[in-house]
Every structure is written in structure tokens, then in C-alpha cells.
Amino acid sequence: MTRVAAIDCGTNSIRLLVADVDPSAGTLVDLDRRMEVVRLGQGVDRTGRIAPEALERTLDAARRYNDICTSLGVEAIRFVATSASRDAENRADFVDGVRDALGVEPEVVEGTEEAELSFRGATGVLAGRHPGPFLVVDLGGGSTELVLGSDTVEAAYSMDVGCVRLTERHLHSDPPTVDEIARSRRDIHAALDTASAHVPLGRAVTLVGLAGTVTTVTAHALGLATYDPLAIDGSVLPVAQVLAACDDLLARDHAERAALPFMHPGRVDVIGAGALVWHEVVARVRDEVARGGGELTDVVTSEHDILDGIAWSVATR
């Protein structure tokens, strides 16, 4: 048994998992799992740089996470940074700041490794409960990873579309206009056209969605009175119900979204774009499966994602 900490720093949020992992027994037991919206990717798509205030928000969170790791007696930490820090010209400032805060070197991983970590985290608990091949979709702030496989990854692709990136590019009105939504859809469709050349979407038997956008859409589809990870994790929803929840979130203005009891305040302005991405991904996979002679009727949501994958990777190093 090894006590490890996994930190996932994305475009919109930074998350921590402290867990006891036993690779020989194949068990991972949570001790602390938390998330803060720091919006590291604020303006990166437009300027190519991490904004000073966004960097400071992120490093403040990293220092708090260090205190938690120390108090829980963590033996090893892995800090994985994804889309925003991957794209930024001044990512060296981010790397230096994280090193000072946590004493470890942040790993700015490429999209393929990000996808593999997400796949490992999600399928570690899904295998045996649903048939493969799995198509695991990790929908983030700056990018969306699509990974196909059963026991191991067979194909993966990282699309440069995410809830923060699309919001900053196109969805400036509240609620979004028809033209803004159309421009966003064109970006998503172009990205999916490229992704489908790398990942055979039609081979999916079980579609699995990960990360904050997907879990929030699921909470909305379930009509939850509060954000309940136990109700969300492993939920299986009909495709039509997922698409309807996406459409409803996209059409709402910020005040209406903020009034939803499960909505994190840091997602209010970007959940519309995230819901639009998830809608188009689910619809495309459904159509590709149908073209191959199959039928995709349901969508699975998992609270186990890249954080779990990072924790496993630390324990098995």
C-alpha cells in the first residue's frame, strides 16, 4: 500500500486526490478528493500566455494542496498539467511556481498521455460492469480527449475544443445567440472530423463521459437537488435524455444556471459551451455506431477519471 497524491491542473480547475493504492491487489481508496476552479486558461487561447492573476490563483491552490499532502503523510506526488499550460508561452513561470509550492516538477503532458491516464482512471472501475470496447471522453476546459480501448488503449486523440476555449472564442452573449452557437458547432464538427480519422468512433460499445462538464450535465439530467457524486458516478442515461439536458443548459442564461442547486459557481459561464461539446460528441458517436450496424442507447458517467489514472501511475512507478 502506497499513499500517493495526484494533482490534475487543467484549463478551468485544479483537483487533488490523496489515496492509498495497492497495485498488487488492484485497489485505490480515496482519503481526500477536492476541486477548485482557478481558470488557469483564462485568455490563453487569445494571448498565448497565462495571465498573472490566473497563475497566482493556481499557485495559491497548489500551496493549500501541499499542506493537505503533508498533513496526510503522502509518500509521493505527481502533478500533471494539461491544455492551458501546454499551450502557453510563459509556461516556465508556471513550472517554477509549482516546484516552489509543492517540491515536485509539474509534468506538462501531451494530449495522448492525458487520454491514456483518463482511460486508465475510468476503466479501472468500469471493467466488468459494462462491455467493451469503451470510448472514454474527457471533456475539459481547453481540450477534449477521446480514447478507445478495452483492456488497453487502442486509439486516442486530443481535440482542441473545450468549455473555456469555446466560450472565449464564440459564446459571448448571455444566453448565446444562434450565430454564436453555429460558429461553435462548426469548430466542434471540424475537430470531430479529424478525431474520427484517428479514433474509430463507430466501434464503441460503451460511451463513457468524464470531468466536470459531463458530471454537471448528468446532475441536470438526473434532476439532483445537490451535487451528489455517489448518484452521478456510474449512472447510465438514455442518449436522448443526455442530449436534452445539454440543450437546456446551453439555452439558459447565467442567472438561470447559477440557480441550479448542483451548479458550481465556477462553471456557470462555461457550462453552455461544455454542454454543446458533449451534445455533439454524443450525437456523433451515436451516428457512427449506427452506420456500423450497431446501436448506442445509453451514456455512462464516471467520477473516476484522470486523477485516478495519475494516482495509479504514481503507485506503479
C-alpha atoms as a PDB file:
ATOM      1  CA  MET A   1       0.000   0.000   0.000  1.00  0.00           C
ATOM      2  CA  THR A   2       1.346   3.388  -1.034  1.00  0.00           C
ATOM      3  CA  ARG A   3      -0.150   6.745  -0.027  1.00  0.00           C
ATOM      4  CA  VAL A   4       0.022   8.995  -3.057  1.00  0.00           C
ATOM      5  CA  ALA A   5      -1.245  12.363  -4.218  1.00  0.00           C
ATOM      6  CA  ALA A   6      -2.439  13.048  -7.741  1.00  0.00           C
ATOM      7  CA  ILE A   7      -2.940  16.626  -8.920  1.00  0.00           C
ATOM      8  CA  ASP A   8      -4.631  17.440 -12.208  1.00  0.00           C
ATOM      9  CA  CYS A   9      -4.273  21.049 -13.308  1.00  0.00           C
ATOM     10  CA  GLY A  10      -6.444  21.813 -16.314  1.00  0.00           C
ATOM     11  CA  THR A  11      -7.703  24.877 -18.122  1.00  0.00           C
ATOM     12  CA  ASN A  12     -10.604  25.513 -15.744  1.00  0.00           C
ATOM     13  CA  SER A  13      -9.883  23.685 -12.495  1.00  0.00           C
ATOM     14  CA  ILE A  14      -7.197  22.177 -10.309  1.00  0.00           C
ATOM     15  CA  ARG A  15      -8.005  18.940  -8.494  1.00  0.00           C
ATOM     16  CA  LEU A  16      -6.388  16.821  -5.805  1.00  0.00           C
ATOM     17  CA  LEU A  17      -6.722  13.146  -4.959  1.00  0.00           C
ATOM     18  CA  VAL A  18      -4.945  11.628  -1.976  1.00  0.00           C
ATOM     19  CA  ALA A  19      -5.363   7.863  -1.977  1.00  0.00           C
ATOM     20  CA  ASP A  20      -3.967   4.621  -0.631  1.00  0.00           C
ATOM     21  CA  VAL A  21      -3.115   2.477  -3.650  1.00  0.00           C
ATOM     22  CA  ASP A  22      -2.233  -1.219  -3.632  1.00  0.00           C
ATOM     23  CA  PRO A  23      -1.186  -2.219  -7.174  1.00  0.00           C
ATOM     24  CA  SER A  24      -0.920  -5.920  -6.320  1.00  0.00           C
ATOM     25  CA  ALA A  25      -4.492  -6.027  -5.006  1.00  0.00           C
ATOM     26  CA  GLY A  26      -5.771  -3.569  -7.612  1.00  0.00           C
ATOM     27  CA  THR A  27      -7.320  -1.262  -5.005  1.00  0.00           C
ATOM     28  CA  LEU A  28      -7.463   2.523  -4.729  1.00  0.00           C
ATOM     29  CA  VAL A  29      -9.031   4.041  -1.597  1.00  0.00           C
ATOM     30  CA  ASP A  30      -9.785   7.780  -1.506  1.00  0.00           C
ATOM     31  CA  LEU A  31      -8.641   9.780   1.503  1.00  0.00           C
ATOM     32  CA  ASP A  32      -9.243  13.256   0.093  1.00  0.00           C
ATOM     33  CA  ARG A  33     -10.673  14.340  -3.263  1.00  0.00           C
ATOM     34  CA  ARG A  34     -11.312  18.024  -3.972  1.00  0.00           C
ATOM     35  CA  MET A  35     -11.524  20.612  -6.742  1.00  0.00           C
ATOM     36  CA  GLU A  36     -11.143  24.380  -7.137  1.00  0.00           C
ATOM     37  CA  VAL A  37     -11.990  26.439 -10.200  1.00  0.00           C
ATOM     38  CA  VAL A  38      -8.914  28.611 -10.837  1.00  0.00           C
ATOM     39  CA  ARG A  39      -9.364  29.224 -14.604  1.00  0.00           C
ATOM     40  CA  LEU A  40      -5.647  28.845 -15.417  1.00  0.00           C
ATOM     41  CA  GLY A  41      -6.562  29.010 -19.115  1.00  0.00           C
ATOM     42  CA  GLN A  42      -8.077  32.490 -18.826  1.00  0.00           C
ATOM     43  CA  GLY A  43      -7.209  34.232 -22.117  1.00  0.00           C
ATOM     44  CA  VAL A  44      -4.586  31.665 -23.199  1.00  0.00           C
ATOM     45  CA  ASP A  45      -6.412  30.887 -26.457  1.00  0.00           C
ATOM     46  CA  ARG A  46      -6.347  34.612 -27.340  1.00  0.00           C
ATOM     47  CA  THR A  47      -2.966  35.765 -25.957  1.00  0.00           C
ATOM     48  CA  GLY A  48      -0.905  32.578 -25.886  1.00  0.00           C
ATOM     49  CA  ARG A  49       0.107  33.380 -22.286  1.00  0.00           C
ATOM     50  CA  ILE A  50      -1.068  32.515 -18.778  1.00  0.00           C
ATOM     51  CA  ALA A  51      -2.490  35.652 -17.140  1.00  0.00           C
ATOM     52  CA  PRO A  52      -0.648  36.701 -13.919  1.00  0.00           C
ATOM     53  CA  GLU A  53      -3.840  36.610 -11.840  1.00  0.00           C
ATOM     54  CA  ALA A  54      -4.729  33.153 -13.164  1.00  0.00           C
ATOM     55  CA  LEU A  55      -1.248  31.891 -12.316  1.00  0.00           C
ATOM     56  CA  GLU A  56      -1.486  33.260  -8.781  1.00  0.00           C
ATOM     57  CA  ARG A  57      -4.913  31.655  -8.205  1.00  0.00           C
ATOM     58  CA  THR A  58      -3.473  28.322  -9.311  1.00  0.00           C
ATOM     59  CA  LEU A  59      -0.339  28.556  -7.181  1.00  0.00           C
ATOM     60  CA  ASP A  60      -2.402  29.536  -4.131  1.00  0.00           C
ATOM     61  CA  ALA A  61      -4.381  26.328  -4.576  1.00  0.00           C
ATOM     62  CA  ALA A  62      -1.165  24.337  -5.052  1.00  0.00           C
ATOM     63  CA  ARG A  63       0.184  25.652  -1.743  1.00  0.00           C
ATOM     64  CA  ARG A  64      -3.010  24.597   0.029  1.00  0.00           C
ATOM     65  CA  TYR A  65      -2.776  21.169  -1.576  1.00  0.00           C
ATOM     66  CA  ASN A  66       0.797  20.878  -0.295  1.00  0.00           C
ATOM     67  CA  ASP A  67      -0.422  21.449   3.263  1.00  0.00           C
ATOM     68  CA  ILE A  68      -3.021  18.691   2.837  1.00  0.00           C
ATOM     69  CA  CYS A  69      -0.435  16.265   1.449  1.00  0.00           C
ATOM     70  CA  THR A  70       1.899  16.983   4.364  1.00  0.00           C
ATOM     71  CA  SER A  71      -0.820  16.506   6.975  1.00  0.00           C
ATOM     72  CA  LEU A  72      -1.897  13.162   5.458  1.00  0.00           C
ATOM     73  CA  GLY A  73       1.636  11.787   5.165  1.00  0.00           C
ATOM     74  CA  VAL A  74       1.749  11.458   1.395  1.00  0.00           C
ATOM     75  CA  GLU A  75       4.749   9.460   0.157  1.00  0.00           C
ATOM     76  CA  ALA A  76       4.779  10.606  -3.480  1.00  0.00           C
ATOM     77  CA  ILE A  77       3.109  13.358  -5.519  1.00  0.00           C
ATOM     78  CA  ARG A  78       2.548  13.600  -9.253  1.00  0.00           C
ATOM     79  CA  PHE A  79       1.375  16.923 -10.675  1.00  0.00           C
ATOM     80  CA  VAL A  80       0.007  16.694 -14.210  1.00  0.00           C
ATOM     81  CA  ALA A  81      -0.796  19.832 -16.187  1.00  0.00           C
ATOM     82  CA  THR A  82      -2.809  19.762 -19.367  1.00  0.00           C
ATOM     83  CA  SER A  83      -4.153  22.042 -22.079  1.00  0.00           C
ATOM     84  CA  ALA A  84      -3.639  25.618 -20.828  1.00  0.00           C
ATOM     85  CA  SER A  85      -0.071  25.130 -19.618  1.00  0.00           C
ATOM     86  CA  ARG A  86       0.733  23.055 -22.704  1.00  0.00           C
ATOM     87  CA  ASP A  87      -0.213  25.983 -24.975  1.00  0.00           C
ATOM     88  CA  ALA A  88       1.221  28.918 -23.002  1.00  0.00           C
ATOM     89  CA  GLU A  89       4.405  30.781 -23.990  1.00  0.00           C
ATOM     90  CA  ASN A  90       5.206  31.522 -20.344  1.00  0.00           C
ATOM     91  CA  ARG A  91       4.694  28.023 -19.041  1.00  0.00           C
ATOM     92  CA  ALA A  92       8.160  28.176 -17.409  1.00  0.00           C
ATOM     93  CA  ASP A  93       6.695  30.613 -14.845  1.00  0.00           C
ATOM     94  CA  PHE A  94       4.023  28.044 -14.080  1.00  0.00           C
ATOM     95  CA  VAL A  95       6.566  25.214 -13.770  1.00  0.00           C
ATOM     96  CA  ASP A  96       8.787  27.243 -11.421  1.00  0.00           C
ATOM     97  CA  GLY A  97       5.831  28.273  -9.276  1.00  0.00           C
ATOM     98  CA  VAL A  98       4.549  24.725  -8.865  1.00  0.00           C
ATOM     99  CA  ARG A  99       8.020  23.470  -7.997  1.00  0.00           C
ATOM    100  CA  ASP A 100       8.290  26.102  -5.254  1.00  0.00           C
ATOM    101  CA  ALA A 101       4.787  25.325  -3.929  1.00  0.00           C
ATOM    102  CA  LEU A 102       4.932  21.523  -3.898  1.00  0.00           C
ATOM    103  CA  GLY A 103       8.552  20.494  -4.263  1.00  0.00           C
ATOM    104  CA  VAL A 104       7.817  18.462  -7.393  1.00  0.00           C
ATOM    105  CA  GLU A 105       8.245  19.153 -11.077  1.00  0.00           C
ATOM    106  CA  PRO A 106       4.900  19.593 -12.844  1.00  0.00           C
ATOM    107  CA  GLU A 107       4.597  17.384 -15.890  1.00  0.00           C
ATOM    108  CA  VAL A 108       3.054  19.209 -18.830  1.00  0.00           C
ATOM    109  CA  VAL A 109       1.750  16.117 -20.616  1.00  0.00           C
ATOM    110  CA  GLU A 110       0.773  15.844 -24.241  1.00  0.00           C
ATOM    111  CA  GLY A 111      -2.780  15.056 -25.233  1.00  0.00           C
ATOM    112  CA  THR A 112      -2.077  11.385 -25.898  1.00  0.00           C
ATOM    113  CA  GLU A 113      -0.738  10.727 -22.412  1.00  0.00           C
ATOM    114  CA  GLU A 114      -3.594  12.763 -20.931  1.00  0.00           C
ATOM    115  CA  ALA A 115      -6.003  10.497 -22.798  1.00  0.00           C
ATOM    116  CA  GLU A 116      -4.280   7.326 -21.598  1.00  0.00           C
ATOM    117  CA  LEU A 117      -4.383   8.478 -17.961  1.00  0.00           C
ATOM    118  CA  SER A 118      -8.084   9.301 -18.254  1.00  0.00           C
ATOM    119  CA  PHE A 119      -8.783   5.898 -19.805  1.00  0.00           C
ATOM    120  CA  ARG A 120      -6.943   4.064 -17.064  1.00  0.00           C
ATOM    121  CA  GLY A 121      -8.746   6.013 -14.339  1.00  0.00           C
ATOM    122  CA  ALA A 122     -12.206   5.444 -15.801  1.00  0.00           C
ATOM    123  CA  THR A 123     -11.964   1.841 -16.944  1.00  0.00           C
ATOM    124  CA  GLY A 124     -10.279   0.671 -13.750  1.00  0.00           C
ATOM    125  CA  VAL A 125     -13.716   0.725 -12.093  1.00  0.00           C
ATOM    126  CA  LEU A 126     -15.922   0.145 -15.158  1.00  0.00           C
ATOM    127  CA  ALA A 127     -14.335  -3.053 -16.442  1.00  0.00           C
ATOM    128  CA  GLY A 128     -16.636  -5.972 -15.720  1.00  0.00           C
ATOM    129  CA  ARG A 129     -19.677  -3.719 -15.279  1.00  0.00           C
ATOM    130  CA  HIS A 130     -20.013  -2.705 -18.945  1.00  0.00           C
ATOM    131  CA  PRO A 131     -18.900  -4.326 -22.209  1.00  0.00           C
ATOM    132  CA  GLY A 132     -16.014  -3.000 -24.278  1.00  0.00           C
ATOM    133  CA  PRO A 133     -14.695  -1.518 -26.351  1.00  0.00           C
ATOM    134  CA  PHE A 134     -15.033   1.660 -24.276  1.00  0.00           C
ATOM    135  CA  LEU A 135     -14.923   5.123 -25.800  1.00  0.00           C
ATOM    136  CA  VAL A 136     -13.793   7.345 -22.930  1.00  0.00           C
ATOM    137  CA  VAL A 137     -14.324  11.097 -23.434  1.00  0.00           C
ATOM    138  CA  ASP A 138     -12.600  13.511 -21.051  1.00  0.00           C
ATOM    139  CA  LEU A 139     -14.151  16.927 -21.713  1.00  0.00           C
ATOM    140  CA  GLY A 140     -12.014  19.697 -20.254  1.00  0.00           C
ATOM    141  CA  GLY A 141     -11.662  23.444 -20.416  1.00  0.00           C
ATOM    142  CA  GLY A 142      -9.187  23.634 -23.277  1.00  0.00           C
ATOM    143  CA  SER A 143      -9.235  20.202 -24.865  1.00  0.00           C
ATOM    144  CA  THR A 144     -11.299  17.039 -25.148  1.00  0.00           C
ATOM    145  CA  GLU A 145      -9.677  13.616 -25.202  1.00  0.00           C
ATOM    146  CA  LEU A 146     -11.241  10.621 -26.952  1.00  0.00           C
ATOM    147  CA  VAL A 147      -9.819   7.205 -26.130  1.00  0.00           C
ATOM    148  CA  LEU A 148     -10.947   3.830 -27.467  1.00  0.00           C
ATOM    149  CA  GLY A 149      -9.972   0.516 -25.961  1.00  0.00           C
ATOM    150  CA  SER A 150     -10.941  -2.490 -23.896  1.00  0.00           C
ATOM    151  CA  ASP A 151      -8.154  -3.654 -21.576  1.00  0.00           C
ATOM    152  CA  THR A 152      -5.656  -1.206 -23.068  1.00  0.00           C
ATOM    153  CA  VAL A 153      -5.748   1.898 -25.234  1.00  0.00           C
ATOM    154  CA  GLU A 154      -6.178   1.098 -28.914  1.00  0.00           C
ATOM    155  CA  ALA A 155      -6.568   4.633 -30.291  1.00  0.00           C
ATOM    156  CA  ALA A 156      -6.578   8.136 -28.824  1.00  0.00           C
ATOM    157  CA  TYR A 157      -6.886  11.724 -29.985  1.00  0.00           C
ATOM    158  CA  SER A 158      -6.919  15.110 -28.241  1.00  0.00           C
ATOM    159  CA  MET A 159      -9.185  17.783 -29.753  1.00  0.00           C
ATOM    160  CA  ASP A 160      -8.503  21.473 -29.109  1.00  0.00           C
ATOM    161  CA  VAL A 161     -12.084  22.173 -28.090  1.00  0.00           C
ATOM    162  CA  GLY A 162     -13.248  22.630 -24.517  1.00  0.00           C
ATOM    163  CA  CYS A 163     -15.682  24.656 -22.444  1.00  0.00           C
ATOM    164  CA  VAL A 164     -13.357  27.584 -21.694  1.00  0.00           C
ATOM    165  CA  ARG A 165     -11.770  27.721 -25.140  1.00  0.00           C
ATOM    166  CA  LEU A 166     -15.139  27.756 -26.967  1.00  0.00           C
ATOM    167  CA  THR A 167     -16.676  30.252 -24.550  1.00  0.00           C
ATOM    168  CA  GLU A 168     -13.815  32.694 -25.102  1.00  0.00           C
ATOM    169  CA  ARG A 169     -13.862  32.183 -28.863  1.00  0.00           C
ATOM    170  CA  HIS A 170     -17.566  32.350 -29.590  1.00  0.00           C
ATOM    171  CA  LEU A 171     -20.132  32.358 -26.765  1.00  0.00           C
ATOM    172  CA  HIS A 172     -20.007  35.988 -25.669  1.00  0.00           C
ATOM    173  CA  SER A 173     -23.757  36.663 -25.254  1.00  0.00           C
ATOM    174  CA  ASP A 174     -25.930  35.672 -22.308  1.00  0.00           C
ATOM    175  CA  PRO A 175     -27.569  33.398 -23.337  1.00  0.00           C
ATOM    176  CA  PRO A 176     -25.598  32.542 -26.503  1.00  0.00           C
ATOM    177  CA  THR A 177     -27.033  33.655 -29.833  1.00  0.00           C
ATOM    178  CA  VAL A 178     -27.937  31.368 -32.709  1.00  0.00           C
ATOM    179  CA  ASP A 179     -24.926  32.609 -34.691  1.00  0.00           C
ATOM    180  CA  GLU A 180     -22.523  32.051 -31.780  1.00  0.00           C
ATOM    181  CA  ILE A 181     -23.797  28.514 -31.326  1.00  0.00           C
ATOM    182  CA  ALA A 182     -23.479  27.837 -35.072  1.00  0.00           C
ATOM    183  CA  ARG A 183     -19.843  29.024 -35.088  1.00  0.00           C
ATOM    184  CA  SER A 184     -19.093  26.825 -32.072  1.00  0.00           C
ATOM    185  CA  ARG A 185     -20.713  23.827 -33.745  1.00  0.00           C
ATOM    186  CA  ARG A 186     -18.544  24.314 -36.824  1.00  0.00           C
ATOM    187  CA  ASP A 187     -15.415  24.192 -34.646  1.00  0.00           C
ATOM    188  CA  ILE A 188     -16.624  21.068 -32.841  1.00  0.00           C
ATOM    189  CA  HIS A 189     -17.615  19.297 -36.061  1.00  0.00           C
ATOM    190  CA  ALA A 190     -14.253  20.086 -37.674  1.00  0.00           C
ATOM    191  CA  ALA A 191     -12.453  18.708 -34.622  1.00  0.00           C
ATOM    192  CA  LEU A 192     -14.608  15.562 -34.620  1.00  0.00           C
ATOM    193  CA  ASP A 193     -13.974  15.031 -38.333  1.00  0.00           C
ATOM    194  CA  THR A 194     -10.243  14.985 -37.611  1.00  0.00           C
ATOM    195  CA  ALA A 195     -10.636  12.891 -34.471  1.00  0.00           C
ATOM    196  CA  SER A 196     -12.651  10.236 -36.303  1.00  0.00           C
ATOM    197  CA  ALA A 197      -9.723   9.721 -38.669  1.00  0.00           C
ATOM    198  CA  HIS A 198      -7.629   8.685 -35.649  1.00  0.00           C
ATOM    199  CA  VAL A 199     -10.227   7.015 -33.416  1.00  0.00           C
ATOM    200  CA  PRO A 200     -12.878   4.707 -34.962  1.00  0.00           C
ATOM    201  CA  LEU A 201     -15.846   6.107 -33.042  1.00  0.00           C
ATOM    202  CA  GLY A 202     -18.241   3.576 -34.531  1.00  0.00           C
ATOM    203  CA  ARG A 203     -16.512   0.703 -32.714  1.00  0.00           C
ATOM    204  CA  ALA A 204     -17.645   1.993 -29.325  1.00  0.00           C
ATOM    205  CA  VAL A 205     -19.927  -0.311 -27.356  1.00  0.00           C
ATOM    206  CA  THR A 206     -19.894   1.720 -24.134  1.00  0.00           C
ATOM    207  CA  LEU A 207     -19.568   5.529 -24.234  1.00  0.00           C
ATOM    208  CA  VAL A 208     -18.139   6.954 -21.001  1.00  0.00           C
ATOM    209  CA  GLY A 209     -18.040  10.676 -20.153  1.00  0.00           C
ATOM    210  CA  LEU A 210     -15.646  12.187 -17.616  1.00  0.00           C
ATOM    211  CA  ALA A 211     -14.891  15.513 -15.914  1.00  0.00           C
ATOM    212  CA  GLY A 212     -16.868  18.497 -14.657  1.00  0.00           C
ATOM    213  CA  THR A 213     -18.913  19.358 -17.727  1.00  0.00           C
ATOM    214  CA  VAL A 214     -20.156  15.795 -18.144  1.00  0.00           C
ATOM    215  CA  THR A 215     -20.885  15.266 -14.454  1.00  0.00           C
ATOM    216  CA  THR A 216     -22.764  18.593 -14.336  1.00  0.00           C
ATOM    217  CA  VAL A 217     -24.852  17.665 -17.392  1.00  0.00           C
ATOM    218  CA  THR A 218     -25.573  14.329 -15.705  1.00  0.00           C
ATOM    219  CA  ALA A 219     -26.636  16.050 -12.484  1.00  0.00           C
ATOM    220  CA  HIS A 220     -29.019  18.169 -14.565  1.00  0.00           C
ATOM    221  CA  ALA A 221     -30.406  15.161 -16.428  1.00  0.00           C
ATOM    222  CA  LEU A 222     -30.971  13.399 -13.099  1.00  0.00           C
ATOM    223  CA  GLY A 223     -32.654  16.483 -11.592  1.00  0.00           C
ATOM    224  CA  LEU A 224     -30.449  16.391  -8.486  1.00  0.00           C
ATOM    225  CA  ALA A 225     -31.193  18.712  -5.578  1.00  0.00           C
ATOM    226  CA  THR A 226     -27.463  18.991  -4.861  1.00  0.00           C
ATOM    227  CA  TYR A 227     -24.217  17.827  -6.457  1.00  0.00           C
ATOM    228  CA  ASP A 228     -24.053  14.184  -5.374  1.00  0.00           C
ATOM    229  CA  PRO A 229     -21.016  12.251  -6.669  1.00  0.00           C
ATOM    230  CA  LEU A 230     -22.473   8.932  -5.482  1.00  0.00           C
ATOM    231  CA  ALA A 231     -25.602   9.441  -7.583  1.00  0.00           C
ATOM    232  CA  ILE A 232     -23.608  10.651 -10.597  1.00  0.00           C
ATOM    233  CA  ASP A 233     -20.823   8.069 -10.610  1.00  0.00           C
ATOM    234  CA  GLY A 234     -21.683   5.084 -12.774  1.00  0.00           C
ATOM    235  CA  SER A 235     -25.060   6.478 -13.813  1.00  0.00           C
ATOM    236  CA  VAL A 236     -26.428   5.187 -17.116  1.00  0.00           C
ATOM    237  CA  LEU A 237     -28.696   7.588 -19.019  1.00  0.00           C
ATOM    238  CA  PRO A 238     -30.509   7.251 -22.353  1.00  0.00           C
ATOM    239  CA  VAL A 239     -28.845   9.195 -25.177  1.00  0.00           C
ATOM    240  CA  ALA A 240     -31.977  11.302 -25.711  1.00  0.00           C
ATOM    241  CA  GLN A 241     -32.026  12.352 -22.050  1.00  0.00           C
ATOM    242  CA  VAL A 242     -28.374  13.433 -22.182  1.00  0.00           C
ATOM    243  CA  LEU A 243     -28.894  15.460 -25.370  1.00  0.00           C
ATOM    244  CA  ALA A 244     -31.967  17.172 -23.894  1.00  0.00           C
ATOM    245  CA  ALA A 245     -30.051  18.147 -20.734  1.00  0.00           C
ATOM    246  CA  CYS A 246     -27.251  19.610 -22.879  1.00  0.00           C
ATOM    247  CA  ASP A 247     -29.707  21.669 -24.927  1.00  0.00           C
ATOM    248  CA  ASP A 248     -31.405  23.001 -21.811  1.00  0.00           C
ATOM    249  CA  LEU A 249     -28.162  24.133 -20.161  1.00  0.00           C
ATOM    250  CA  LEU A 250     -26.987  25.817 -23.349  1.00  0.00           C
ATOM    251  CA  ALA A 251     -30.242  27.785 -23.689  1.00  0.00           C
ATOM    252  CA  ARG A 252     -30.225  29.124 -20.112  1.00  0.00           C
ATOM    253  CA  ASP A 253     -28.672  32.458 -19.134  1.00  0.00           C
ATOM    254  CA  HIS A 254     -26.097  32.784 -16.367  1.00  0.00           C
ATOM    255  CA  ALA A 255     -28.635  33.596 -13.654  1.00  0.00           C
ATOM    256  CA  GLU A 256     -30.730  30.553 -14.506  1.00  0.00           C
ATOM    257  CA  ARG A 257     -27.687  28.294 -14.491  1.00  0.00           C
ATOM    258  CA  ALA A 258     -26.452  29.725 -11.174  1.00  0.00           C
ATOM    259  CA  ALA A 259     -29.833  28.958  -9.600  1.00  0.00           C
ATOM    260  CA  LEU A 260     -29.460  25.231 -10.289  1.00  0.00           C
ATOM    261  CA  PRO A 261     -28.666  23.600  -6.920  1.00  0.00           C
ATOM    262  CA  PHE A 262     -25.880  21.339  -8.239  1.00  0.00           C
ATOM    263  CA  MET A 263     -24.057  24.028 -10.261  1.00  0.00           C
ATOM    264  CA  HIS A 264     -20.540  25.003  -9.163  1.00  0.00           C
ATOM    265  CA  PRO A 265     -20.202  28.825  -9.400  1.00  0.00           C
ATOM    266  CA  GLY A 266     -17.020  28.437 -11.456  1.00  0.00           C
ATOM    267  CA  ARG A 267     -18.902  26.579 -14.199  1.00  0.00           C
ATOM    268  CA  VAL A 268     -21.802  28.983 -14.676  1.00  0.00           C
ATOM    269  CA  ASP A 269     -20.272  30.922 -17.585  1.00  0.00           C
ATOM    270  CA  VAL A 270     -18.713  27.936 -19.395  1.00  0.00           C
ATOM    271  CA  ILE A 271     -21.198  25.097 -18.911  1.00  0.00           C
ATOM    272  CA  GLY A 272     -23.126  26.148 -22.027  1.00  0.00           C
ATOM    273  CA  ALA A 273     -20.092  25.584 -24.230  1.00  0.00           C
ATOM    274  CA  GLY A 274     -19.278  22.347 -22.420  1.00  0.00           C
ATOM    275  CA  ALA A 275     -22.830  21.090 -22.870  1.00  0.00           C
ATOM    276  CA  LEU A 276     -22.646  21.929 -26.576  1.00  0.00           C
ATOM    277  CA  VAL A 277     -19.423  19.934 -26.976  1.00  0.00           C
ATOM    278  CA  TRP A 278     -20.889  16.965 -25.113  1.00  0.00           C
ATOM    279  CA  HIS A 279     -24.083  17.090 -27.187  1.00  0.00           C
ATOM    280  CA  GLU A 280     -22.134  16.986 -30.452  1.00  0.00           C
ATOM    281  CA  VAL A 281     -19.795  14.227 -29.265  1.00  0.00           C
ATOM    282  CA  VAL A 282     -22.653  12.003 -28.062  1.00  0.00           C
ATOM    283  CA  ALA A 283     -24.641  12.590 -31.249  1.00  0.00           C
ATOM    284  CA  ARG A 284     -21.629  11.869 -33.483  1.00  0.00           C
ATOM    285  CA  VAL A 285     -20.773   8.638 -31.676  1.00  0.00           C
ATOM    286  CA  ARG A 286     -24.428   7.513 -31.814  1.00  0.00           C
ATOM    287  CA  ASP A 287     -24.493   8.142 -35.564  1.00  0.00           C
ATOM    288  CA  GLU A 288     -21.126   6.453 -36.208  1.00  0.00           C
ATOM    289  CA  VAL A 289     -22.186   3.366 -34.237  1.00  0.00           C
ATOM    290  CA  ALA A 290     -25.439   3.226 -36.226  1.00  0.00           C
ATOM    291  CA  ARG A 291     -23.516   3.464 -39.506  1.00  0.00           C
ATOM    292  CA  GLY A 292     -21.528   0.427 -38.407  1.00  0.00           C
ATOM    293  CA  GLY A 293     -24.699  -1.554 -37.829  1.00  0.00           C
ATOM    294  CA  GLY A 294     -24.852  -1.141 -34.045  1.00  0.00           C
ATOM    295  CA  GLU A 295     -26.919   0.931 -31.643  1.00  0.00           C
ATOM    296  CA  LEU A 296     -25.794   3.286 -28.884  1.00  0.00           C
ATOM    297  CA  THR A 297     -28.712   3.658 -26.490  1.00  0.00           C
ATOM    298  CA  ASP A 298     -27.053   4.853 -23.257  1.00  0.00           C
ATOM    299  CA  VAL A 299     -24.244   7.010 -21.930  1.00  0.00           C
ATOM    300  CA  VAL A 300     -22.234   6.185 -18.785  1.00  0.00           C
ATOM    301  CA  THR A 301     -20.851   8.910 -16.499  1.00  0.00           C
ATOM    302  CA  SER A 302     -17.823   8.286 -14.288  1.00  0.00           C
ATOM    303  CA  GLU A 303     -16.445  10.331 -11.400  1.00  0.00           C
ATOM    304  CA  HIS A 304     -13.244   8.303 -11.800  1.00  0.00           C
ATOM    305  CA  ASP A 305     -11.012   9.967 -14.349  1.00  0.00           C
ATOM    306  CA  ILE A 306      -7.521  11.292 -14.966  1.00  0.00           C
ATOM    307  CA  LEU A 307      -6.963  11.834 -11.223  1.00  0.00           C
ATOM    308  CA  ASP A 308      -7.354   8.105 -10.608  1.00  0.00           C
ATOM    309  CA  GLY A 309      -5.106   7.382 -13.584  1.00  0.00           C
ATOM    310  CA  ILE A 310      -2.409   9.666 -12.193  1.00  0.00           C
ATOM    311  CA  ALA A 311      -2.658   8.007  -8.765  1.00  0.00           C
ATOM    312  CA  TRP A 312      -2.253   4.553 -10.312  1.00  0.00           C
ATOM    313  CA  SER A 313       0.748   5.777 -12.310  1.00  0.00           C
ATOM    314  CA  VAL A 314       2.465   7.075  -9.158  1.00  0.00           C
ATOM    315  CA  ALA A 315       1.925   3.840  -7.227  1.00  0.00           C
ATOM    316  CA  THR A 316       3.210   1.633 -10.041  1.00  0.00           C
ATOM    317  CA  ARG A 317       6.309   3.664 -10.887  1.00  0.00           C
END
